Amino acid sequence: MMRRYIIESKDGGVSESIGFLLIFSIVIAGIGLVTLYGYPLLLQQQVGAEEKIMEKNMIVLQNDIKSLAYKTVPYKETSLKIGGGSLTVYNSSYNPPLSSLNITYANIPYVDSFKPGELRYESVSAQTDISLQNGAVVLRPRIQTGSVMLAEPRWFYDSTTHTMVINLINITSDNIIAKEGIGTVRMILKESKYPPIPPTAGGTVEIVYTPDPGLNGRDYSVAWDNYMMKIPGMTRASGNPGSGGPIKYTLPNVDNLVIKEYIVKIEAI
């Protein structure tokens, strides 16, 4: 009598379990790689996009101030999105004081400790500040000492007639105003000043720029130094940009100096 043996194989179940574990491991590894490398890149791109948007917004606000000051528009209102940080108004009477400016012509002081104030965007994610101050838009990374001017103020020097025109923008408000998210910046031209300056043949203009004393770490002197040195004939007489101390600039052979001060009030954001 012959016996028959039946052998049952379970290799199929083992193979199916191993395949599931392999696929599951690949999926988990893929998710991990995306989380480790892809997500930070997405955040970085988002932060960069928010910063670029605010750069454009600050230039739009600069154009609004130009319309108020130079085109006699009485009122401007601009709605904008403030992403990744906050927009704050530091008025000219803010204490401790921010940057200041002294102007002397032919050894006669005409501007003494002018404090322009500023409209500042402070990015929390990018650790970058973008400031609208004295008619210019400047940018400064907080982890670095340098700064760059994104949009220049409306100053003018005519080397043919030896005439220097300096427009000073005083940003003021009733108190410190800050905003995040969606905001509407409302501003008015409060006052204009034109101090009479008698012409002096071959007179020398001296400009002393004193940056933020460092309590808030907002030193934009590198950006302003680059702008000053672009003016034909302007030289740096003393001081070093980025050191936190005052910097003195001189422009000789100026026959006429015109200084105009515009007081712009930020009513709301």
Foldseek 3Di string as FASTA:
>chain_A
DDDDDDDDDPVVVVVVVVVVVVVVVVVVVVVVVCVVPVVVVVVVVVLVVLVVQVLVVVVVVLVVVCCVPPVVDFKDKDKDFRPQWKKKWFFQPHPPAFKFKWKDKLNHTDGDGRGQTWTWTQGPVQQKIWICTQSWIKIDRLVDLAIATPGDHPWDADPVQLETEGEGHGEHEPDMAMDHTMWMWMKGWDDKDWDDDAFDFFMKMKMKMQGGQCPVSDFHQNHVVVVQVVPPQKDWPDDDRSPRGITMIMHTRRGYYTYMYIYMYTYHD
